[in-house]
Amino acid sequence: MKFYFDGDDTKTFINVCCADFVAQGQNDELRIEVEMWVEDEEGNKDYCKTVVIVQDNQDIVLTQDHSEKSPEILRQKVAM
């Protein structure tokens, strides 16, 4: 079985960083809509739409006014 995102069989994970929070105007929670695909050995495939929720529980993402709280970068890897 192969698992991948958004119909791209080479996209087997999603990277999320602070810039994604800032681009969406979010400080502590980011919601990302994705298509989760699965494909079997015969080439049969299907998908469902879902939402990946990434939370900044350590409060290290930049604030709404883009001032830096921490030099660290939040990296969240969603992998199958």
Protein backbone atom coordinates (compact mmCIF):
# COMPACT_ATOMS: atom_id res chain seq x y z
CA MET A 1 0.00 0.00 0.00
CA LYS A 2 1.18 3.51 -0.85
CA PHE A 3 0.04 6.58 1.06
CA TYR A 4 0.49 10.11 -0.27
CA PHE A 5 -1.05 13.58 -0.34
CA ASP A 6 -2.96 15.68 -2.88
CA GLY A 7 -2.80 13.12 -5.69
CA ASP A 8 1.01 13.37 -5.97
CA ASP A 9 2.52 9.93 -5.30
CA THR A 10 5.89 11.56 -4.57
CA LYS A 11 4.38 13.71 -1.79
CA THR A 12 4.54 11.22 1.07
CA PHE A 13 4.86 13.83 3.82
CA ILE A 14 3.95 17.43 4.63
CA ASN A 15 6.42 19.91 6.11
CA VAL A 16 5.06 22.76 8.20
CA CYS A 17 7.20 25.58 9.59
CA CYS A 18 6.76 28.99 11.23
CA ALA A 19 6.45 30.71 7.85
CA ASP A 20 3.27 28.70 7.19
CA PHE A 21 1.72 30.02 10.42
CA VAL A 22 2.69 33.59 9.54
CA ALA A 23 1.41 33.27 5.95
CA GLN A 24 -2.00 32.18 7.30
CA GLY A 25 -2.01 34.85 10.03
CA GLN A 26 -2.04 32.21 12.77
CA ASN A 27 -0.13 32.10 16.06
CA ASP A 28 -0.94 28.84 17.78
CA GLU A 29 -2.93 26.56 15.47
CA LEU A 30 -2.71 25.93 11.74
CA ARG A 31 -5.30 23.96 9.76
CA ILE A 32 -4.21 22.47 6.45
CA GLU A 33 -6.74 20.87 4.11
CA VAL A 34 -5.32 17.86 2.26
CA GLU A 35 -6.37 14.93 0.16
CA MET A 36 -5.10 11.69 1.70
CA TRP A 37 -4.54 9.12 -1.05
CA VAL A 38 -4.00 5.36 -0.80
CA GLU A 39 -2.97 3.05 -3.64
CA ASP A 40 -2.72 -0.74 -3.65
CA GLU A 41 -0.35 -3.07 -5.53
CA GLU A 42 -2.82 -3.32 -8.44
CA GLY A 43 -2.88 0.45 -8.96
CA ASN A 44 -6.35 0.92 -7.46
CA LYS A 45 -6.47 4.22 -5.64
CA ASP A 46 -8.85 6.47 -3.80
CA TYR A 47 -8.69 9.42 -1.44
CA CYS A 48 -10.52 11.30 1.25
CA LYS A 49 -10.34 14.96 2.15
CA THR A 50 -9.26 15.80 5.67
CA VAL A 51 -7.71 18.55 7.77
CA VAL A 52 -4.30 18.32 9.42
CA ILE A 53 -4.17 20.47 12.55
CA VAL A 54 -0.72 21.59 13.70
CA GLN A 55 -0.54 23.23 17.12
CA ASP A 56 2.29 25.39 18.45
CA ASN A 57 2.17 24.04 22.01
CA GLN A 58 5.62 25.44 22.83
CA ASP A 59 4.72 28.97 21.71
CA ILE A 60 7.72 29.36 19.39
CA VAL A 61 5.98 30.61 16.23
CA LEU A 62 6.24 34.27 15.30
CA THR A 63 3.43 36.47 16.63
CA GLN A 64 0.76 38.15 14.50
CA ASP A 65 2.83 41.36 14.41
CA HIS A 66 5.79 39.28 13.16
CA SER A 67 7.95 39.94 16.23
CA GLU A 68 10.10 36.98 17.08
CA LYS A 69 9.43 35.06 20.31
CA SER A 70 12.17 32.49 19.83
CA PRO A 71 14.92 31.79 17.29
CA GLU A 72 13.78 28.18 17.04
CA ILE A 73 11.81 26.97 14.03
CA LEU A 74 8.82 24.73 14.45
CA ARG A 75 9.03 21.74 12.18
CA GLN A 76 6.16 19.33 12.00
CA LYS A 77 6.49 16.39 9.69
CA VAL A 78 3.42 14.40 8.89
CA ALA A 79 4.59 11.16 7.34
CA MET A 80 3.11 7.83 6.47
